Amino acid sequence: MVDRVRHGRETIVISDHGDAPAAALTPVGELAELRRLQEEADIAEADHRKAEGGPVVTHDAFMDDVEAGDAQSAAS
């Protein structure tokens, strides 16, 4: 499977007993792109909140809030 992902640039989705997807194997280049896009989205969210004049929070508290929102979005 790793060779298919590495050399074939294929993404493999893994499910648990045929249920909803549980994990995925993806080429490292695609992972880097996903991480870059997530970072851009996090920065845009921080800029938006800053422009609204919301409360000042620590980076850790902000990231906890963003991750909670991401998890909630993924669950719906």
N, C-alpha and C. Protein backbone atom coordinates (compact mmCIF):
# COMPACT_ATOMS: atom_id res chain seq x y z
N MET A 1 0.82 -1.19 0.00
CA MET A 1 0.00 0.00 0.00
C MET A 1 0.87 1.25 0.00
N VAL A 2 1.95 1.23 0.76
CA VAL A 2 2.81 2.41 0.84
C VAL A 2 3.39 2.73 -0.53
N ASP A 3 3.81 1.70 -1.28
CA ASP A 3 4.35 1.94 -2.62
C ASP A 3 3.30 2.56 -3.54
N ARG A 4 2.05 2.10 -3.43
CA ARG A 4 0.98 2.68 -4.26
C ARG A 4 0.81 4.15 -3.95
N VAL A 5 0.90 4.51 -2.69
CA VAL A 5 0.75 5.91 -2.29
C VAL A 5 1.98 6.71 -2.71
N ARG A 6 3.15 6.18 -2.42
CA ARG A 6 4.39 6.90 -2.69
C ARG A 6 4.63 7.08 -4.18
N HIS A 7 4.53 6.00 -4.94
CA HIS A 7 4.91 6.05 -6.35
C HIS A 7 3.72 6.33 -7.28
N GLY A 8 2.55 5.88 -6.89
CA GLY A 8 1.38 6.08 -7.73
C GLY A 8 0.62 7.34 -7.39
N ARG A 9 1.09 8.05 -6.35
CA ARG A 9 0.45 9.27 -5.89
C ARG A 9 -1.05 9.03 -5.66
N GLU A 10 -1.34 7.88 -5.10
CA GLU A 10 -2.72 7.47 -4.83
C GLU A 10 -3.01 7.68 -3.35
N THR A 11 -4.23 8.06 -3.03
CA THR A 11 -4.67 8.14 -1.65
C THR A 11 -5.51 6.91 -1.35
N ILE A 12 -5.23 6.26 -0.23
CA ILE A 12 -5.96 5.07 0.17
C ILE A 12 -6.72 5.38 1.45
N VAL A 13 -8.03 5.18 1.42
CA VAL A 13 -8.88 5.43 2.58
C VAL A 13 -9.12 4.11 3.29
N ILE A 14 -8.94 4.12 4.60
CA ILE A 14 -9.08 2.91 5.41
C ILE A 14 -10.31 3.06 6.30
N SER A 15 -11.17 2.04 6.28
CA SER A 15 -12.35 2.07 7.15
C SER A 15 -12.26 0.93 8.16
N ASP A 16 -13.06 1.02 9.17
CA ASP A 16 -13.10 0.02 10.22
C ASP A 16 -14.31 -0.88 9.98
N HIS A 17 -14.08 -2.08 9.50
CA HIS A 17 -15.14 -3.06 9.23
C HIS A 17 -16.19 -2.51 8.26
N GLY A 18 -15.76 -1.79 7.25
CA GLY A 18 -16.67 -1.30 6.24
C GLY A 18 -17.48 -0.08 6.64
N ASP A 19 -17.21 0.46 7.82
CA ASP A 19 -17.93 1.64 8.26
C ASP A 19 -17.35 2.89 7.61
N ALA A 20 -17.66 4.02 8.17
CA ALA A 20 -17.16 5.30 7.67
C ALA A 20 -15.63 5.32 7.68
N PRO A 21 -15.01 6.11 6.82
CA PRO A 21 -13.55 6.20 6.80
C PRO A 21 -12.97 6.51 8.18
N ALA A 22 -11.87 5.81 8.52
CA ALA A 22 -11.24 5.99 9.82
C ALA A 22 -9.87 6.65 9.68
N ALA A 23 -9.21 6.44 8.55
CA ALA A 23 -7.87 7.00 8.34
C ALA A 23 -7.59 6.99 6.84
N ALA A 24 -6.48 7.64 6.48
CA ALA A 24 -6.10 7.65 5.07
C ALA A 24 -4.59 7.66 4.94
N LEU A 25 -4.10 7.00 3.90
CA LEU A 25 -2.70 7.10 3.51
C LEU A 25 -2.68 8.05 2.32
N THR A 26 -1.87 9.08 2.40
CA THR A 26 -1.82 10.07 1.34
C THR A 26 -0.37 10.44 1.04
N PRO A 27 -0.04 10.79 -0.18
CA PRO A 27 1.33 11.17 -0.49
C PRO A 27 1.79 12.35 0.38
N VAL A 28 3.06 12.35 0.72
CA VAL A 28 3.61 13.39 1.60
C VAL A 28 3.39 14.78 1.02
N GLY A 29 3.51 14.93 -0.28
CA GLY A 29 3.29 16.23 -0.91
C GLY A 29 1.88 16.74 -0.68
N GLU A 30 0.90 15.85 -0.75
CA GLU A 30 -0.49 16.24 -0.50
C GLU A 30 -0.69 16.59 0.97
N LEU A 31 -0.04 15.85 1.86
CA LEU A 31 -0.12 16.16 3.28
C LEU A 31 0.44 17.55 3.56
N ALA A 32 1.56 17.86 2.96
CA ALA A 32 2.16 19.19 3.13
C ALA A 32 1.20 20.27 2.65
N GLU A 33 0.54 20.03 1.53
CA GLU A 33 -0.42 21.01 1.00
C GLU A 33 -1.62 21.15 1.93
N LEU A 34 -2.12 20.05 2.46
CA LEU A 34 -3.23 20.11 3.42
C LEU A 34 -2.85 20.91 4.66
N ARG A 35 -1.64 20.67 5.16
CA ARG A 35 -1.18 21.41 6.33
C ARG A 35 -1.03 22.89 6.03
N ARG A 36 -0.52 23.23 4.84
CA ARG A 36 -0.37 24.63 4.45
C ARG A 36 -1.74 25.30 4.36
N LEU A 37 -2.70 24.63 3.76
CA LEU A 37 -4.04 25.18 3.66
C LEU A 37 -4.69 25.37 5.03
N GLN A 38 -4.48 24.41 5.93
CA GLN A 38 -5.03 24.53 7.28
C GLN A 38 -4.41 25.72 8.00
N GLU A 39 -3.10 25.89 7.85
CA GLU A 39 -2.41 27.03 8.46
C GLU A 39 -2.97 28.34 7.93
N GLU A 40 -3.19 28.42 6.62
CA GLU A 40 -3.77 29.63 6.03
C GLU A 40 -5.16 29.89 6.59
N ALA A 41 -5.96 28.84 6.73
CA ALA A 41 -7.31 28.99 7.28
C ALA A 41 -7.25 29.45 8.74
N ASP A 42 -6.31 28.91 9.52
CA ASP A 42 -6.17 29.32 10.91
C ASP A 42 -5.77 30.79 11.01
N ILE A 43 -4.85 31.23 10.15
CA ILE A 43 -4.42 32.62 10.15
C ILE A 43 -5.58 33.54 9.75
N ALA A 44 -6.34 33.14 8.74
CA ALA A 44 -7.49 33.93 8.31
C ALA A 44 -8.51 34.05 9.43
N GLU A 45 -8.74 32.95 10.14
CA GLU A 45 -9.68 32.98 11.28
C GLU A 45 -9.18 33.92 12.38
N ALA A 46 -7.89 33.86 12.66
CA ALA A 46 -7.32 34.75 13.69
C ALA A 46 -7.45 36.21 13.26
N ASP A 47 -7.16 36.49 11.99
CA ASP A 47 -7.29 37.86 11.49
C ASP A 47 -8.74 38.34 11.58
N HIS A 48 -9.67 37.46 11.24
CA HIS A 48 -11.10 37.80 11.31
C HIS A 48 -11.51 38.13 12.75
N ARG A 49 -11.10 37.29 13.68
CA ARG A 49 -11.45 37.52 15.08
C ARG A 49 -10.82 38.80 15.61
N LYS A 50 -9.58 39.05 15.18
CA LYS A 50 -8.89 40.27 15.61
C LYS A 50 -9.62 41.49 15.08
N ALA A 51 -10.06 41.45 13.82
CA ALA A 51 -10.76 42.58 13.20
C ALA A 51 -12.10 42.84 13.88
N GLU A 52 -12.73 41.79 14.41
CA GLU A 52 -14.01 41.95 15.11
C GLU A 52 -13.84 42.59 16.48
N GLY A 53 -12.60 42.68 16.95
CA GLY A 53 -12.36 43.27 18.27
C GLY A 53 -12.73 42.34 19.40
N GLY A 54 -12.66 41.05 19.16
CA GLY A 54 -12.99 40.07 20.19
C GLY A 54 -11.96 40.07 21.30
N PRO A 55 -12.18 39.23 22.29
CA PRO A 55 -11.27 39.18 23.43
C PRO A 55 -9.88 38.68 23.05
N VAL A 56 -8.88 39.13 23.77
CA VAL A 56 -7.51 38.67 23.55
C VAL A 56 -7.36 37.32 24.26
N VAL A 57 -6.84 36.33 23.52
CA VAL A 57 -6.64 34.99 24.09
C VAL A 57 -5.23 34.52 23.74
N THR A 58 -4.76 33.55 24.49
CA THR A 58 -3.44 32.98 24.21
C THR A 58 -3.50 32.15 22.92
N HIS A 59 -2.36 31.89 22.34
CA HIS A 59 -2.30 31.07 21.13
C HIS A 59 -2.88 29.69 21.40
N ASP A 60 -2.52 29.09 22.54
CA ASP A 60 -3.02 27.75 22.86
C ASP A 60 -4.54 27.75 22.98
N ALA A 61 -5.10 28.75 23.64
CA ALA A 61 -6.55 28.83 23.79
C ALA A 61 -7.22 29.02 22.43
N PHE A 62 -6.62 29.86 21.59
CA PHE A 62 -7.17 30.08 20.26
C PHE A 62 -7.17 28.78 19.45
N MET A 63 -6.03 28.06 19.47
CA MET A 63 -5.93 26.82 18.70
C MET A 63 -6.89 25.76 19.23
N ASP A 64 -7.08 25.70 20.56
CA ASP A 64 -8.06 24.77 21.12
C ASP A 64 -9.46 25.08 20.58
N ASP A 65 -9.79 26.37 20.50
CA ASP A 65 -11.10 26.79 20.00
C ASP A 65 -11.24 26.45 18.51
N VAL A 66 -10.21 26.72 17.73
CA VAL A 66 -10.24 26.41 16.30
C VAL A 66 -10.39 24.90 16.09
N GLU A 67 -9.61 24.10 16.83
CA GLU A 67 -9.67 22.65 16.68
C GLU A 67 -11.04 22.10 17.10
N ALA A 68 -11.63 22.69 18.13
CA ALA A 68 -12.97 22.27 18.55
C ALA A 68 -13.98 22.57 17.44
N GLY A 69 -13.84 23.72 16.81
CA GLY A 69 -14.72 24.06 15.68
C GLY A 69 -14.52 23.12 14.51
N ASP A 70 -13.25 22.77 14.23
CA ASP A 70 -12.96 21.83 13.14
C ASP A 70 -13.58 20.47 13.44
N ALA A 71 -13.46 20.01 14.67
CA ALA A 71 -14.02 18.71 15.05
C ALA A 71 -15.54 18.73 14.94
N GLN A 72 -16.14 19.84 15.33
CA GLN A 72 -17.59 19.96 15.25
C GLN A 72 -18.04 19.95 13.78
N SER A 73 -17.30 20.64 12.93
CA SER A 73 -17.62 20.66 11.50
C SER A 73 -17.48 19.27 10.89
N ALA A 74 -16.43 18.55 11.29
CA ALA A 74 -16.20 17.21 10.75
C ALA A 74 -17.30 16.23 11.19
N ALA A 75 -17.85 16.46 12.37
CA ALA A 75 -18.88 15.57 12.90
C ALA A 75 -20.23 15.78 12.23
N SER A 76 -20.42 16.96 11.60
CA SER A 76 -21.73 17.21 10.99
C SER A 76 -21.78 16.85 9.55
